[in-house]
Protein backbone atom coordinates (compact mmCIF):
# COMPACT_ATOMS: atom_id res chain seq x y z
CA MET A 1 139.97 233.24 -5.81
CA SER A 2 140.25 236.86 -6.79
CA GLU A 3 143.33 237.25 -4.71
CA ASP A 4 144.95 234.36 -6.51
CA LYS A 5 144.17 235.89 -9.84
CA GLN A 6 145.63 239.24 -8.58
CA VAL A 7 148.89 237.51 -7.48
CA LEU A 8 149.12 235.66 -10.77
CA ASN A 9 148.42 238.94 -12.68
CA ASP A 10 151.18 240.70 -10.71
CA ILE A 11 153.59 237.91 -11.36
CA GLY A 12 152.83 238.09 -15.03
CA LYS A 13 153.48 241.82 -15.04
CA VAL A 14 156.80 241.38 -13.24
CA ILE A 15 157.92 238.64 -15.66
CA ALA A 16 156.94 240.84 -18.62
CA VAL A 17 158.96 243.76 -17.25
CA LEU A 18 162.03 241.50 -16.63
CA ILE A 19 161.78 240.16 -20.12
CA ILE A 20 161.64 243.72 -21.59
CA ILE A 21 164.65 244.72 -19.43
CA ALA A 22 166.63 241.64 -20.57
CA ILE A 23 165.89 242.49 -24.25
CA VAL A 24 166.85 246.08 -23.78
CA ILE A 25 170.17 245.04 -22.01
CA SER A 26 170.94 242.52 -24.83
CA ILE A 27 170.35 245.16 -27.47
CA ALA A 28 172.52 247.64 -25.68
CA ALA A 29 175.33 245.02 -25.18
CA ILE A 30 175.30 244.20 -28.83
CA ASN A 31 175.46 247.86 -29.87
CA LEU A 32 178.31 248.58 -27.47
CA VAL A 33 180.44 245.51 -28.05
CA GLY A 34 179.81 244.43 -31.60
CA ASP A 35 180.61 246.63 -34.51
CA ASN A 36 180.18 245.61 -38.10
CA GLU A 37 183.80 246.54 -39.05
CA GLY A 38 185.18 244.22 -36.28
CA THR A 39 183.24 241.26 -37.35
CA SER A 40 183.92 241.40 -41.13
CA ALA A 41 186.33 238.77 -42.45
CA ALA A 42 188.53 241.41 -44.16
CA PHE A 43 188.94 243.24 -40.89
CA GLN A 44 189.78 240.06 -38.95
CA GLU A 45 192.24 239.00 -41.58
CA LYS A 46 193.96 242.49 -41.35
CA LYS A 47 194.10 242.15 -37.55
CA VAL A 48 195.72 238.70 -37.79
CA LEU A 49 198.24 239.86 -40.32
CA ASP A 50 199.14 242.90 -38.10
CA ARG A 51 199.72 240.52 -35.19
CA ILE A 52 201.95 238.07 -37.02
CA LYS A 53 203.92 240.45 -39.26
CA PRO A 54 207.69 240.21 -38.96
CA LEU A 55 209.56 242.65 -36.69
CA GLY A 56 212.44 243.03 -39.06
CA VAL A 57 213.92 241.77 -42.26
CA VAL A 58 217.24 240.24 -43.14
CA ALA A 59 219.27 242.35 -45.59
CA THR A 60 220.99 240.03 -48.11
CA THR A 61 222.50 242.74 -50.25
CA ALA A 62 224.28 245.97 -49.53
CA ALA A 63 221.51 247.99 -51.03
CA GLU A 64 218.97 246.31 -48.82
CA ALA A 65 221.17 246.94 -45.75
CA LYS A 66 221.58 250.63 -46.65
CA GLU A 67 217.79 250.96 -47.08
CA ALA A 68 216.98 249.12 -43.95
CA SER A 69 219.24 251.27 -41.73
CA PRO A 70 220.51 254.41 -43.35
CA VAL A 71 223.72 255.86 -41.99
CA VAL A 72 223.16 259.10 -40.16
CA GLU A 73 226.18 261.31 -40.14
CA GLU A 74 226.55 262.86 -36.65
CA VAL A 75 229.58 264.87 -35.80
CA ALA A 76 230.69 264.18 -32.29
CA VAL A 77 231.02 267.23 -30.26
CA GLU A 78 234.41 267.11 -28.48
CA GLN A 79 234.11 267.87 -24.81
CA GLY A 80 236.98 268.78 -22.64
CA PRO A 81 237.97 266.77 -19.70
CA MET A 82 235.37 266.61 -16.90
CA THR A 83 235.86 268.73 -13.82
CA ALA A 84 236.38 267.09 -10.53
CA GLU A 85 232.83 267.88 -9.46
CA GLN A 86 231.47 266.41 -12.72
CA VAL A 87 233.38 263.19 -12.19
CA TYR A 88 232.14 263.09 -8.58
CA ASN A 89 228.55 263.71 -9.62
CA THR A 90 228.75 261.10 -12.43
CA ALA A 91 230.47 258.22 -10.68
CA CYS A 92 230.90 258.83 -6.94
CA MET A 93 228.03 260.87 -5.54
CA ALA A 94 225.47 257.97 -5.55
CA CYS A 95 227.37 256.21 -2.78
CA HIS A 96 229.52 258.83 -1.27
CA SER A 97 226.71 261.27 -0.64
CA THR A 98 224.57 258.70 1.16
CA GLY A 99 227.03 256.33 2.66
CA ALA A 100 225.73 253.36 0.63
CA ALA A 101 227.62 250.08 0.88
CA GLY A 102 229.76 251.56 3.74
CA ALA A 103 231.22 254.33 1.54
CA PRO A 104 232.55 257.24 3.63
CA LYS A 105 230.28 260.25 3.10
CA THR A 106 231.92 263.17 1.41
CA GLY A 107 232.44 265.84 4.02
CA ASP A 108 232.56 263.49 6.95
CA VAL A 109 235.95 264.41 8.41
CA ALA A 110 236.03 261.51 10.94
CA ALA A 111 235.31 258.83 8.39
CA TRP A 112 237.78 260.17 5.84
CA ALA A 113 240.75 260.96 8.31
CA PRO A 114 242.05 257.36 8.47
CA ARG A 115 241.69 256.95 4.68
CA ILE A 116 243.51 260.25 3.98
CA ALA A 117 246.24 259.19 6.32
CA GLN A 118 246.89 256.06 4.13
CA GLY A 119 247.98 258.45 1.30
CA ASP A 120 246.91 259.23 -2.24
CA ASP A 121 248.37 256.13 -3.68
CA VAL A 122 246.19 253.82 -1.54
CA LEU A 123 243.10 255.90 -2.27
CA PHE A 124 243.92 255.75 -5.98
CA GLU A 125 244.38 251.91 -5.81
CA HIS A 126 241.04 251.54 -3.99
CA ALA A 127 239.31 253.75 -6.42
CA THR A 128 240.71 252.08 -9.56
CA LYS A 129 240.71 248.41 -8.42
CA GLY A 130 237.69 248.54 -6.14
CA PHE A 131 237.57 248.18 -2.31
CA LYS A 132 235.00 246.30 -0.23
CA GLY A 133 231.58 247.27 -1.62
CA MET A 134 232.95 249.75 -4.23
CA PRO A 135 233.41 248.52 -7.72
CA PRO A 136 236.50 249.30 -9.75
CA ARG A 137 236.48 252.92 -11.04
CA GLY A 138 233.22 253.56 -9.03
CA GLY A 139 231.31 251.47 -11.53
CA SER A 140 232.31 253.77 -14.40
CA PRO A 141 234.90 251.95 -16.49
CA GLN A 142 235.18 254.88 -18.97
CA LEU A 143 236.79 257.09 -16.37
CA SER A 144 240.46 257.80 -17.03
CA ASP A 145 243.09 257.67 -14.35
CA GLU A 146 243.14 261.49 -14.47
CA ASP A 147 239.41 261.57 -13.83
CA ILE A 148 239.81 259.21 -10.78
CA THR A 149 242.68 261.34 -9.48
CA VAL A 150 240.65 264.61 -9.69
CA ALA A 151 237.55 263.02 -8.12
CA ILE A 152 239.66 261.63 -5.23
CA GLY A 153 241.17 265.15 -4.76
CA PHE A 154 237.68 266.65 -4.78
CA MET A 155 236.36 264.23 -2.08
CA VAL A 156 239.45 264.71 0.07
CA SER A 157 239.22 268.52 -0.16
CA GLN A 158 235.66 268.27 0.91
CA SER A 159 236.45 265.98 3.84
CA GLN A 160 239.36 267.69 5.51
């Protein structure tokens, strides 16, 4: 009988320790997660209003429009025409340095020889109108015909 009492006594101690641990964990969780500011009605209302506030406003008058997006005067710096290498680096290098989409690599004499033999007019037409995987103007529509011509000259000179 005394062994039974001892087992019950030990079980009681274990249960008491587990209850104390559960209480300590509950208090710690409440202190970590809950803060008084986060549960107040005013704080909750502010958070809701922040989440649903409009992203912009519609200006119905000239004054509102000017206030909403003031005009910033920036003077454009005039740059001279790009060099052949700048045009190449801007529009051509991505494909012609790696051979992407079947583009002949700049500097590959064997790949460029038949293209050079077709003449500058054909190269210019392919560059401006696109050819196989190459988009018109190398994917840079802002390039002028002069820019295209100097870029072709640069690649041809590197590939002879």
